Amino acid sequence: MSDNHSEEQHIGIPGYLIIFGILFVGTIVTYFVALTDLDGKLFPGANTLVALGIAFFKMTCVMLFFMHVYWSKRLIWLSAVGSFFWMAIMFAFTMQDYFTRGPGVFGQ
């Protein structure tokens, strides 16, 4: 009973610093994407879509390494993947609402 947690994996301080660096760079990239007018260059809602993609990548890093899902059993992986699909559905509903609005709704 006392050795239930003896097989836990940890990435150590260098691994945590790498993940911190990835999250920091993702935040900086999100900031610069917000300053760039992708809505006018690509399609309406491009800024939001890119920001959500970066946020999704950052959430994946946090979930895999800080929450130790990377080293967990298959049931934990199944619930993590199910959560990803649920979040993708919610993002799709959000973008559907955003894309179906008329011009000028967001102050453009």
PDB file of N, CA and C in Angstrom:
ATOM      1  N   MET A   1       0.806  -1.195   0.000  1.00  0.00           N
ATOM      2  CA  MET A   1       0.000   0.000   0.000  1.00  0.00           C
ATOM      3  C   MET A   1       0.847   1.256   0.000  1.00  0.00           C
ATOM      4  N   SER A   2       1.983   1.223   0.642  1.00  0.00           N
ATOM      5  CA  SER A   2       2.766   2.452   0.774  1.00  0.00           C
ATOM      6  C   SER A   2       3.518   2.810  -0.501  1.00  0.00           C
ATOM      7  N   ASP A   3       3.621   1.883  -1.445  1.00  0.00           N
ATOM      8  CA  ASP A   3       4.368   2.185  -2.666  1.00  0.00           C
ATOM      9  C   ASP A   3       3.451   2.479  -3.862  1.00  0.00           C
ATOM     10  N   ASN A   4       2.249   2.997  -3.601  1.00  0.00           N
ATOM     11  CA  ASN A   4       1.321   3.316  -4.684  1.00  0.00           C
ATOM     12  C   ASN A   4       1.857   4.394  -5.611  1.00  0.00           C
ATOM     13  N   HIS A   5       2.612   5.319  -5.069  1.00  0.00           N
ATOM     14  CA  HIS A   5       3.088   6.443  -5.862  1.00  0.00           C
ATOM     15  C   HIS A   5       4.570   6.330  -6.195  1.00  0.00           C
ATOM     16  N   SER A   6       5.136   5.164  -6.073  1.00  0.00           N
ATOM     17  CA  SER A   6       6.570   5.028  -6.311  1.00  0.00           C
ATOM     18  C   SER A   6       6.928   5.066  -7.798  1.00  0.00           C
ATOM     19  N   GLU A   7       5.953   4.844  -8.686  1.00  0.00           N
ATOM     20  CA  GLU A   7       6.243   4.822 -10.112  1.00  0.00           C
ATOM     21  C   GLU A   7       5.898   6.128 -10.814  1.00  0.00           C
ATOM     22  N   GLU A   8       5.596   7.191 -10.087  1.00  0.00           N
ATOM     23  CA  GLU A   8       5.265   8.462 -10.720  1.00  0.00           C
ATOM     24  C   GLU A   8       6.475   9.036 -11.428  1.00  0.00           C
ATOM     25  N   GLN A   9       6.244   9.557 -12.600  1.00  0.00           N
ATOM     26  CA  GLN A   9       7.295  10.185 -13.384  1.00  0.00           C
ATOM     27  C   GLN A   9       7.235  11.697 -13.186  1.00  0.00           C
ATOM     28  N   HIS A  10       8.373  12.325 -13.183  1.00  0.00           N
ATOM     29  CA  HIS A  10       8.455  13.781 -13.118  1.00  0.00           C
ATOM     30  C   HIS A  10       9.468  14.234 -14.152  1.00  0.00           C
ATOM     31  N   ILE A  11       9.224  15.385 -14.718  1.00  0.00           N
ATOM     32  CA  ILE A  11      10.138  15.862 -15.749  1.00  0.00           C
ATOM     33  C   ILE A  11      11.289  16.663 -15.169  1.00  0.00           C
ATOM     34  N   GLY A  12      11.233  16.995 -13.917  1.00  0.00           N
ATOM     35  CA  GLY A  12      12.318  17.720 -13.281  1.00  0.00           C
ATOM     36  C   GLY A  12      12.272  19.209 -13.581  1.00  0.00           C
ATOM     37  N   ILE A  13      13.148  19.937 -12.927  1.00  0.00           N
ATOM     38  CA  ILE A  13      13.172  21.390 -13.068  1.00  0.00           C
ATOM     39  C   ILE A  13      13.503  21.821 -14.496  1.00  0.00           C
ATOM     40  N   PRO A  14      14.487  21.211 -15.188  1.00  0.00           N
ATOM     41  CA  PRO A  14      14.726  21.636 -16.583  1.00  0.00           C
ATOM     42  C   PRO A  14      13.502  21.447 -17.484  1.00  0.00           C
ATOM     43  N   GLY A  15      12.786  20.370 -17.297  1.00  0.00           N
ATOM     44  CA  GLY A  15      11.573  20.145 -18.087  1.00  0.00           C
ATOM     45  C   GLY A  15      10.504  21.178 -17.802  1.00  0.00           C
ATOM     46  N   TYR A  16      10.330  21.509 -16.520  1.00  0.00           N
ATOM     47  CA  TYR A  16       9.361  22.540 -16.159  1.00  0.00           C
ATOM     48  C   TYR A  16       9.763  23.893 -16.729  1.00  0.00           C
ATOM     49  N   LEU A  17      11.052  24.189 -16.748  1.00  0.00           N
ATOM     50  CA  LEU A  17      11.510  25.457 -17.320  1.00  0.00           C
ATOM     51  C   LEU A  17      11.283  25.496 -18.830  1.00  0.00           C
ATOM     52  N   ILE A  18      11.447  24.366 -19.498  1.00  0.00           N
ATOM     53  CA  ILE A  18      11.170  24.311 -20.939  1.00  0.00           C
ATOM     54  C   ILE A  18       9.688  24.558 -21.201  1.00  0.00           C
ATOM     55  N   ILE A  19       8.832  23.911 -20.422  1.00  0.00           N
ATOM     56  CA  ILE A  19       7.394  24.120 -20.586  1.00  0.00           C
ATOM     57  C   ILE A  19       7.031  25.565 -20.262  1.00  0.00           C
ATOM     58  N   PHE A  20       7.646  26.141 -19.228  1.00  0.00           N
ATOM     59  CA  PHE A  20       7.414  27.550 -18.911  1.00  0.00           C
ATOM     60  C   PHE A  20       7.817  28.434 -20.085  1.00  0.00           C
ATOM     61  N   GLY A  21       8.951  28.138 -20.705  1.00  0.00           N
ATOM     62  CA  GLY A  21       9.394  28.900 -21.870  1.00  0.00           C
ATOM     63  C   GLY A  21       8.411  28.792 -23.027  1.00  0.00           C
ATOM     64  N   ILE A  22       7.896  27.583 -23.250  1.00  0.00           N
ATOM     65  CA  ILE A  22       6.903  27.389 -24.312  1.00  0.00           C
ATOM     66  C   ILE A  22       5.648  28.205 -24.022  1.00  0.00           C
ATOM     67  N   LEU A  23       5.190  28.184 -22.772  1.00  0.00           N
ATOM     68  CA  LEU A  23       4.002  28.954 -22.406  1.00  0.00           C
ATOM     69  C   LEU A  23       4.247  30.454 -22.529  1.00  0.00           C
ATOM     70  N   PHE A  24       5.437  30.901 -22.155  1.00  0.00           N
ATOM     71  CA  PHE A  24       5.778  32.319 -22.249  1.00  0.00           C
ATOM     72  C   PHE A  24       5.824  32.770 -23.710  1.00  0.00           C
ATOM     73  N   VAL A  25       6.471  31.978 -24.556  1.00  0.00           N
ATOM     74  CA  VAL A  25       6.536  32.308 -25.986  1.00  0.00           C
ATOM     75  C   VAL A  25       5.131  32.286 -26.593  1.00  0.00           C
ATOM     76  N   GLY A  26       4.308  31.344 -26.181  1.00  0.00           N
ATOM     77  CA  GLY A  26       2.927  31.302 -26.666  1.00  0.00           C
ATOM     78  C   GLY A  26       2.144  32.544 -26.289  1.00  0.00           C
ATOM     79  N   THR A  27       2.391  33.058 -25.088  1.00  0.00           N
ATOM     80  CA  THR A  27       1.731  34.291 -24.663  1.00  0.00           C
ATOM     81  C   THR A  27       2.193  35.477 -25.503  1.00  0.00           C
ATOM     82  N   ILE A  28       3.493  35.558 -25.765  1.00  0.00           N
ATOM     83  CA  ILE A  28       4.033  36.643 -26.589  1.00  0.00           C
ATOM     84  C   ILE A  28       3.476  36.555 -28.014  1.00  0.00           C
ATOM     85  N   VAL A  29       3.430  35.351 -28.572  1.00  0.00           N
ATOM     86  CA  VAL A  29       2.891  35.169 -29.925  1.00  0.00           C
ATOM     87  C   VAL A  29       1.417  35.564 -29.966  1.00  0.00           C
ATOM     88  N   THR A  30       0.659  35.208 -28.939  1.00  0.00           N
ATOM     89  CA  THR A  30      -0.747  35.594 -28.874  1.00  0.00           C
ATOM     90  C   THR A  30      -0.892  37.108 -28.862  1.00  0.00           C
ATOM     91  N   TYR A  31      -0.029  37.785 -28.125  1.00  0.00           N
ATOM     92  CA  TYR A  31      -0.065  39.244 -28.065  1.00  0.00           C
ATOM     93  C   TYR A  31       0.186  39.848 -29.445  1.00  0.00           C
ATOM     94  N   PHE A  32       1.209  39.363 -30.150  1.00  0.00           N
ATOM     95  CA  PHE A  32       1.522  39.922 -31.461  1.00  0.00           C
ATOM     96  C   PHE A  32       0.476  39.550 -32.514  1.00  0.00           C
ATOM     97  N   VAL A  33      -0.142  38.396 -32.369  1.00  0.00           N
ATOM     98  CA  VAL A  33      -1.235  38.038 -33.276  1.00  0.00           C
ATOM     99  C   VAL A  33      -2.418  38.971 -33.053  1.00  0.00           C
ATOM    100  N   ALA A  34      -2.655  39.350 -31.801  1.00  0.00           N
ATOM    101  CA  ALA A  34      -3.747  40.281 -31.515  1.00  0.00           C
ATOM    102  C   ALA A  34      -3.478  41.658 -32.113  1.00  0.00           C
ATOM    103  N   LEU A  35      -2.214  42.056 -32.214  1.00  0.00           N
ATOM    104  CA  LEU A  35      -1.874  43.347 -32.813  1.00  0.00           C
ATOM    105  C   LEU A  35      -1.962  43.323 -34.338  1.00  0.00           C
ATOM    106  N   THR A  36      -1.822  42.156 -34.938  1.00  0.00           N
ATOM    107  CA  THR A  36      -1.865  42.012 -36.392  1.00  0.00           C
ATOM    108  C   THR A  36      -3.316  41.871 -36.848  1.00  0.00           C
ATOM    109  N   ASP A  37      -3.653  42.514 -37.951  1.00  0.00           N
ATOM    110  CA  ASP A  37      -5.018  42.443 -38.468  1.00  0.00           C
ATOM    111  C   ASP A  37      -5.161  41.251 -39.413  1.00  0.00           C
ATOM    112  N   LEU A  38      -5.329  40.077 -38.851  1.00  0.00           N
ATOM    113  CA  LEU A  38      -5.536  38.883 -39.673  1.00  0.00           C
ATOM    114  C   LEU A  38      -6.958  38.808 -40.209  1.00  0.00           C
ATOM    115  N   ASP A  39      -7.892  39.489 -39.534  1.00  0.00           N
ATOM    116  CA  ASP A  39      -9.283  39.463 -39.991  1.00  0.00           C
ATOM    117  C   ASP A  39      -9.413  40.071 -41.381  1.00  0.00           C
ATOM    118  N   GLY A  40      -8.682  41.154 -41.644  1.00  0.00           N
ATOM    119  CA  GLY A  40      -8.751  41.796 -42.951  1.00  0.00           C
ATOM    120  C   GLY A  40      -7.923  41.086 -44.005  1.00  0.00           C
ATOM    121  N   LYS A  41      -6.865  40.387 -43.581  1.00  0.00           N
ATOM    122  CA  LYS A  41      -5.971  39.731 -44.540  1.00  0.00           C
ATOM    123  C   LYS A  41      -6.453  38.341 -44.940  1.00  0.00           C
ATOM    124  N   LEU A  42      -6.946  37.574 -43.995  1.00  0.00           N
ATOM    125  CA  LEU A  42      -7.341  36.191 -44.288  1.00  0.00           C
ATOM    126  C   LEU A  42      -8.854  36.053 -44.422  1.00  0.00           C
ATOM    127  N   PHE A  43      -9.546  36.062 -43.303  1.00  0.00           N
ATOM    128  CA  PHE A  43     -10.998  35.931 -43.280  1.00  0.00           C
ATOM    129  C   PHE A  43     -11.487  36.459 -41.939  1.00  0.00           C
ATOM    130  N   PRO A  44     -12.759  36.842 -41.853  1.00  0.00           N
ATOM    131  CA  PRO A  44     -13.271  37.344 -40.568  1.00  0.00           C
ATOM    132  C   PRO A  44     -13.179  36.266 -39.485  1.00  0.00           C
ATOM    133  N   GLY A  45     -12.644  36.636 -38.367  1.00  0.00           N
ATOM    134  CA  GLY A  45     -12.493  35.696 -37.262  1.00  0.00           C
ATOM    135  C   GLY A  45     -11.152  35.001 -37.223  1.00  0.00           C
ATOM    136  N   ALA A  46     -10.234  35.373 -38.109  1.00  0.00           N
ATOM    137  CA  ALA A  46      -8.928  34.701 -38.151  1.00  0.00           C
ATOM    138  C   ALA A  46      -8.133  34.969 -36.883  1.00  0.00           C
ATOM    139  N   ASN A  47      -8.194  36.202 -36.366  1.00  0.00           N
ATOM    140  CA  ASN A  47      -7.475  36.505 -35.120  1.00  0.00           C
ATOM    141  C   ASN A  47      -7.970  35.628 -33.977  1.00  0.00           C
ATOM    142  N   THR A  48      -9.274  35.502 -33.885  1.00  0.00           N
ATOM    143  CA  THR A  48      -9.850  34.681 -32.818  1.00  0.00           C
ATOM    144  C   THR A  48      -9.467  33.220 -32.990  1.00  0.00           C
ATOM    145  N   LEU A  49      -9.505  32.739 -34.211  1.00  0.00           N
ATOM    146  CA  LEU A  49      -9.168  31.340 -34.468  1.00  0.00           C
ATOM    147  C   LEU A  49      -7.704  31.044 -34.142  1.00  0.00           C
ATOM    148  N   VAL A  50      -6.801  31.951 -34.517  1.00  0.00           N
ATOM    149  CA  VAL A  50      -5.379  31.756 -34.214  1.00  0.00           C
ATOM    150  C   VAL A  50      -5.147  31.830 -32.704  1.00  0.00           C
ATOM    151  N   ALA A  51      -5.797  32.779 -32.032  1.00  0.00           N
ATOM    152  CA  ALA A  51      -5.645  32.894 -30.575  1.00  0.00           C
ATOM    153  C   ALA A  51      -6.169  31.644 -29.866  1.00  0.00           C
ATOM    154  N   LEU A  52      -7.286  31.104 -30.330  1.00  0.00           N
ATOM    155  CA  LEU A  52      -7.814  29.873 -29.737  1.00  0.00           C
ATOM    156  C   LEU A  52      -6.892  28.688 -30.001  1.00  0.00           C
ATOM    157  N   GLY A  53      -6.278  28.645 -31.171  1.00  0.00           N
ATOM    158  CA  GLY A  53      -5.327  27.572 -31.478  1.00  0.00           C
ATOM    159  C   GLY A  53      -4.106  27.618 -30.574  1.00  0.00           C
ATOM    160  N   ILE A  54      -3.581  28.822 -30.349  1.00  0.00           N
ATOM    161  CA  ILE A  54      -2.433  28.974 -29.449  1.00  0.00           C
ATOM    162  C   ILE A  54      -2.829  28.600 -28.026  1.00  0.00           C
ATOM    163  N   ALA A  55      -4.011  29.032 -27.600  1.00  0.00           N
ATOM    164  CA  ALA A  55      -4.485  28.685 -26.256  1.00  0.00           C
ATOM    165  C   ALA A  55      -4.674  27.179 -26.112  1.00  0.00           C
ATOM    166  N   PHE A  56      -5.159  26.530 -27.154  1.00  0.00           N
ATOM    167  CA  PHE A  56      -5.342  25.082 -27.133  1.00  0.00           C
ATOM    168  C   PHE A  56      -3.998  24.366 -27.004  1.00  0.00           C
ATOM    169  N   PHE A  57      -2.983  24.849 -27.733  1.00  0.00           N
ATOM    170  CA  PHE A  57      -1.642  24.267 -27.635  1.00  0.00           C
ATOM    171  C   PHE A  57      -1.069  24.457 -26.231  1.00  0.00           C
ATOM    172  N   LYS A  58      -1.236  25.636 -25.653  1.00  0.00           N
ATOM    173  CA  LYS A  58      -0.732  25.890 -24.303  1.00  0.00           C
ATOM    174  C   LYS A  58      -1.458  25.022 -23.279  1.00  0.00           C
ATOM    175  N   MET A  59      -2.767  24.858 -23.462  1.00  0.00           N
ATOM    176  CA  MET A  59      -3.522  24.005 -22.553  1.00  0.00           C
ATOM    177  C   MET A  59      -3.048  22.557 -22.650  1.00  0.00           C
ATOM    178  N   THR A  60      -2.711  22.117 -23.862  1.00  0.00           N
ATOM    179  CA  THR A  60      -2.200  20.760 -24.048  1.00  0.00           C
ATOM    180  C   THR A  60      -0.891  20.566 -23.298  1.00  0.00           C
ATOM    181  N   CYS A  61       0.006  21.536 -23.383  1.00  0.00           N
ATOM    182  CA  CYS A  61       1.285  21.443 -22.667  1.00  0.00           C
ATOM    183  C   CYS A  61       1.072  21.368 -21.160  1.00  0.00           C
ATOM    184  N   VAL A  62       0.196  22.218 -20.644  1.00  0.00           N
ATOM    185  CA  VAL A  62      -0.072  22.210 -19.200  1.00  0.00           C
ATOM    186  C   VAL A  62      -0.673  20.879 -18.781  1.00  0.00           C
ATOM    187  N   MET A  63      -1.628  20.401 -19.560  1.00  0.00           N
ATOM    188  CA  MET A  63      -2.309  19.165 -19.185  1.00  0.00           C
ATOM    189  C   MET A  63      -1.376  17.961 -19.244  1.00  0.00           C
ATOM    190  N   LEU A  64      -0.557  17.880 -20.271  1.00  0.00           N
ATOM    191  CA  LEU A  64       0.317  16.719 -20.412  1.00  0.00           C
ATOM    192  C   LEU A  64       1.407  16.674 -19.353  1.00  0.00           C
ATOM    193  N   PHE A  65       2.041  17.802 -19.084  1.00  0.00           N
ATOM    194  CA  PHE A  65       3.234  17.772 -18.244  1.00  0.00           C
ATOM    195  C   PHE A  65       2.986  18.243 -16.812  1.00  0.00           C
ATOM    196  N   PHE A  66       2.265  19.349 -16.615  1.00  0.00           N
ATOM    197  CA  PHE A  66       2.019  19.805 -15.250  1.00  0.00           C
ATOM    198  C   PHE A  66       1.020  18.912 -14.526  1.00  0.00           C
ATOM    199  N   MET A  67       0.050  18.368 -15.267  1.00  0.00           N
ATOM    200  CA  MET A  67      -0.944  17.492 -14.654  1.00  0.00           C
ATOM    201  C   MET A  67      -0.558  16.020 -14.785  1.00  0.00           C
ATOM    202  N   HIS A  68       0.611  15.725 -15.344  1.00  0.00           N
ATOM    203  CA  HIS A  68       1.186  14.380 -15.444  1.00  0.00           C
ATOM    204  C   HIS A  68       0.323  13.398 -16.235  1.00  0.00           C
ATOM    205  N   VAL A  69      -0.462  13.901 -17.179  1.00  0.00           N
ATOM    206  CA  VAL A  69      -1.268  13.012 -18.014  1.00  0.00           C
ATOM    207  C   VAL A  69      -0.375  12.208 -18.956  1.00  0.00           C
ATOM    208  N   TYR A  70       0.752  12.757 -19.333  1.00  0.00           N
ATOM    209  CA  TYR A  70       1.675  12.090 -20.256  1.00  0.00           C
ATOM    210  C   TYR A  70       2.098  10.715 -19.734  1.00  0.00           C
ATOM    211  N   TRP A  71       2.223  10.574 -18.433  1.00  0.00           N
ATOM    212  CA  TRP A  71       2.682   9.322 -17.832  1.00  0.00           C
ATOM    213  C   TRP A  71       1.546   8.531 -17.192  1.00  0.00           C
ATOM    214  N   SER A  72       0.310   8.918 -17.412  1.00  0.00           N
ATOM    215  CA  SER A  72      -0.828   8.277 -16.757  1.00  0.00           C
ATOM    216  C   SER A  72      -1.313   7.055 -17.526  1.00  0.00           C
ATOM    217  N   LYS A  73      -2.281   6.376 -16.913  1.00  0.00           N
ATOM    218  CA  LYS A  73      -2.847   5.169 -17.511  1.00  0.00           C
ATOM    219  C   LYS A  73      -3.845   5.532 -18.603  1.00  0.00           C
ATOM    220  N   ARG A  74      -4.318   4.528 -19.316  1.00  0.00           N
ATOM    221  CA  ARG A  74      -5.171   4.747 -20.485  1.00  0.00           C
ATOM    222  C   ARG A  74      -6.516   5.369 -20.138  1.00  0.00           C
ATOM    223  N   LEU A  75      -7.054   5.089 -18.976  1.00  0.00           N
ATOM    224  CA  LEU A  75      -8.336   5.675 -18.603  1.00  0.00           C
ATOM    225  C   LEU A  75      -8.211   7.190 -18.449  1.00  0.00           C
ATOM    226  N   ILE A  76      -7.107   7.640 -17.891  1.00  0.00           N
ATOM    227  CA  ILE A  76      -6.867   9.078 -17.768  1.00  0.00           C
ATOM    228  C   ILE A  76      -6.704   9.689 -19.157  1.00  0.00           C
ATOM    229  N   TRP A  77      -5.986   8.991 -20.042  1.00  0.00           N
ATOM    230  CA  TRP A  77      -5.832   9.473 -21.417  1.00  0.00           C
ATOM    231  C   TRP A  77      -7.187   9.575 -22.112  1.00  0.00           C
ATOM    232  N   LEU A  78      -8.054   8.590 -21.879  1.00  0.00           N
ATOM    233  CA  LEU A  78      -9.370   8.602 -22.503  1.00  0.00           C
ATOM    234  C   LEU A  78     -10.181   9.811 -22.053  1.00  0.00           C
ATOM    235  N   SER A  79     -10.163  10.105 -20.765  1.00  0.00           N
ATOM    236  CA  SER A  79     -10.904  11.273 -20.295  1.00  0.00           C
ATOM    237  C   SER A  79     -10.260  12.570 -20.774  1.00  0.00           C
ATOM    238  N   ALA A  80      -8.938  12.593 -20.922  1.00  0.00           N
ATOM    239  CA  ALA A  80      -8.274  13.789 -21.442  1.00  0.00           C
ATOM    240  C   ALA A  80      -8.632  14.012 -22.910  1.00  0.00           C
ATOM    241  N   VAL A  81      -8.618  12.950 -23.705  1.00  0.00           N
ATOM    242  CA  VAL A  81      -8.973  13.073 -25.124  1.00  0.00           C
ATOM    243  C   VAL A  81     -10.447  13.449 -25.273  1.00  0.00           C
ATOM    244  N   GLY A  82     -11.296  12.873 -24.434  1.00  0.00           N
ATOM    245  CA  GLY A  82     -12.709  13.251 -24.451  1.00  0.00           C
ATOM    246  C   GLY A  82     -12.910  14.720 -24.123  1.00  0.00           C
ATOM    247  N   SER A  83     -12.121  15.231 -23.195  1.00  0.00           N
ATOM    248  CA  SER A  83     -12.192  16.656 -22.865  1.00  0.00           C
ATOM    249  C   SER A  83     -11.753  17.513 -24.041  1.00  0.00           C
ATOM    250  N   PHE A  84     -10.722  17.059 -24.760  1.00  0.00           N
ATOM    251  CA  PHE A  84     -10.280  17.791 -25.951  1.00  0.00           C
ATOM    252  C   PHE A  84     -11.395  17.854 -26.996  1.00  0.00           C
ATOM    253  N   PHE A  85     -12.055  16.724 -27.238  1.00  0.00           N
ATOM    254  CA  PHE A  85     -13.133  16.722 -28.222  1.00  0.00           C
ATOM    255  C   PHE A  85     -14.285  17.623 -27.781  1.00  0.00           C
ATOM    256  N   TRP A  86     -14.604  17.595 -26.493  1.00  0.00           N
ATOM    257  CA  TRP A  86     -15.667  18.458 -25.987  1.00  0.00           C
ATOM    258  C   TRP A  86     -15.289  19.931 -26.171  1.00  0.00           C
ATOM    259  N   MET A  87     -14.042  20.277 -25.891  1.00  0.00           N
ATOM    260  CA  MET A  87     -13.600  21.653 -26.075  1.00  0.00           C
ATOM    261  C   MET A  87     -13.637  22.037 -27.554  1.00  0.00           C
ATOM    262  N   ALA A  88     -13.276  21.116 -28.441  1.00  0.00           N
ATOM    263  CA  ALA A  88     -13.337  21.396 -29.878  1.00  0.00           C
ATOM    264  C   ALA A  88     -14.774  21.669 -30.318  1.00  0.00           C
ATOM    265  N   ILE A  89     -15.711  20.929 -29.767  1.00  0.00           N
ATOM    266  CA  ILE A  89     -17.121  21.173 -30.087  1.00  0.00           C
ATOM    267  C   ILE A  89     -17.541  22.553 -29.594  1.00  0.00           C
ATOM    268  N   MET A  90     -17.135  22.925 -28.395  1.00  0.00           N
ATOM    269  CA  MET A  90     -17.478  24.246 -27.864  1.00  0.00           C
ATOM    270  C   MET A  90     -16.833  25.359 -28.692  1.00  0.00           C
ATOM    271  N   PHE A  91     -15.584  25.167 -29.127  1.00  0.00           N
ATOM    272  CA  PHE A  91     -14.939  26.148 -30.006  1.00  0.00           C
ATOM    273  C   PHE A  91     -15.702  26.261 -31.323  1.00  0.00           C
ATOM    274  N   ALA A  92     -16.147  25.131 -31.861  1.00  0.00           N
ATOM    275  CA  ALA A  92     -16.888  25.150 -33.124  1.00  0.00           C
ATOM    276  C   ALA A  92     -18.192  25.926 -32.971  1.00  0.00           C
ATOM    277  N   PHE A  93     -18.897  25.736 -31.865  1.00  0.00           N
ATOM    278  CA  PHE A  93     -20.121  26.502 -31.634  1.00  0.00           C
ATOM    279  C   PHE A  93     -19.822  27.993 -31.511  1.00  0.00           C
ATOM    280  N   THR A  94     -18.726  28.327 -30.832  1.00  0.00           N
ATOM    281  CA  THR A  94     -18.349  29.730 -30.680  1.00  0.00           C
ATOM    282  C   THR A  94     -18.028  30.350 -32.033  1.00  0.00           C
ATOM    283  N   MET A  95     -17.240  29.662 -32.840  1.00  0.00           N
ATOM    284  CA  MET A  95     -16.870  30.200 -34.144  1.00  0.00           C
ATOM    285  C   MET A  95     -18.077  30.245 -35.087  1.00  0.00           C
ATOM    286  N   GLN A  96     -19.006  29.316 -34.952  1.00  0.00           N
ATOM    287  CA  GLN A  96     -20.210  29.344 -35.773  1.00  0.00           C
ATOM    288  C   GLN A  96     -21.007  30.609 -35.481  1.00  0.00           C
ATOM    289  N   ASP A  97     -21.138  30.956 -34.216  1.00  0.00           N
ATOM    290  CA  ASP A  97     -21.838  32.175 -33.841  1.00  0.00           C
ATOM    291  C   ASP A  97     -21.091  33.400 -34.358  1.00  0.00           C
ATOM    292  N   TYR A  98     -19.791  33.370 -34.260  1.00  0.00           N
ATOM    293  CA  TYR A  98     -18.972  34.506 -34.683  1.00  0.00           C
ATOM    294  C   TYR A  98     -19.048  34.708 -36.197  1.00  0.00           C
ATOM    295  N   PHE A  99     -19.006  33.634 -36.964  1.00  0.00           N
ATOM    296  CA  PHE A  99     -19.003  33.742 -38.422  1.00  0.00           C
ATOM    297  C   PHE A  99     -20.369  34.101 -39.002  1.00  0.00           C
ATOM    298  N   THR A 100     -21.453  33.813 -38.304  1.00  0.00           N
ATOM    299  CA  THR A 100     -22.780  34.072 -38.857  1.00  0.00           C
ATOM    300  C   THR A 100     -23.295  35.465 -38.547  1.00  0.00           C
ATOM    301  N   ARG A 101     -22.552  36.271 -37.832  1.00  0.00           N
ATOM    302  CA  ARG A 101     -22.986  37.639 -37.555  1.00  0.00           C
ATOM    303  C   ARG A 101     -22.688  38.531 -38.749  1.00  0.00           C
ATOM    304  N   GLY A 102     -23.504  39.551 -38.893  1.00  0.00           N
ATOM    305  CA  GLY A 102     -23.333  40.472 -40.011  1.00  0.00           C
ATOM    306  C   GLY A 102     -22.164  41.411 -39.794  1.00  0.00           C
ATOM    307  N   PRO A 103     -21.782  42.135 -40.852  1.00  0.00           N
ATOM    308  CA  PRO A 103     -20.679  43.092 -40.714  1.00  0.00           C
ATOM    309  C   PRO A 103     -21.077  44.259 -39.819  1.00  0.00           C
ATOM    310  N   GLY A 104     -20.116  44.792 -39.115  1.00  0.00           N
ATOM    311  CA  GLY A 104     -20.364  45.930 -38.244  1.00  0.00           C
ATOM    312  C   GLY A 104     -20.793  45.573 -36.842  1.00  0.00           C
ATOM    313  N   VAL A 105     -20.979  44.303 -36.560  1.00  0.00           N
ATOM    314  CA  VAL A 105     -21.431  43.901 -35.225  1.00  0.00           C
ATOM    315  C   VAL A 105     -20.331  44.113 -34.194  1.00  0.00           C
ATOM    316  N   PHE A 106     -19.074  43.923 -34.594  1.00  0.00           N
ATOM    317  CA  PHE A 106     -17.966  44.009 -33.661  1.00  0.00           C
ATOM    318  C   PHE A 106     -17.236  45.342 -33.755  1.00  0.00           C
ATOM    319  N   GLY A 107     -17.908  46.383 -34.241  1.00  0.00           N
ATOM    320  CA  GLY A 107     -17.303  47.705 -34.289  1.00  0.00           C
ATOM    321  C   GLY A 107     -16.378  47.909 -35.469  1.00  0.00           C
ATOM    322  N   GLN A 108     -16.549  47.161 -36.521  1.00  0.00           N
ATOM    323  CA  GLN A 108     -15.685  47.307 -37.702  1.00  0.00           C
ATOM    324  C   GLN A 108     -16.341  48.204 -38.717  1.00  0.00           C
TER     325      GLN A 108
END
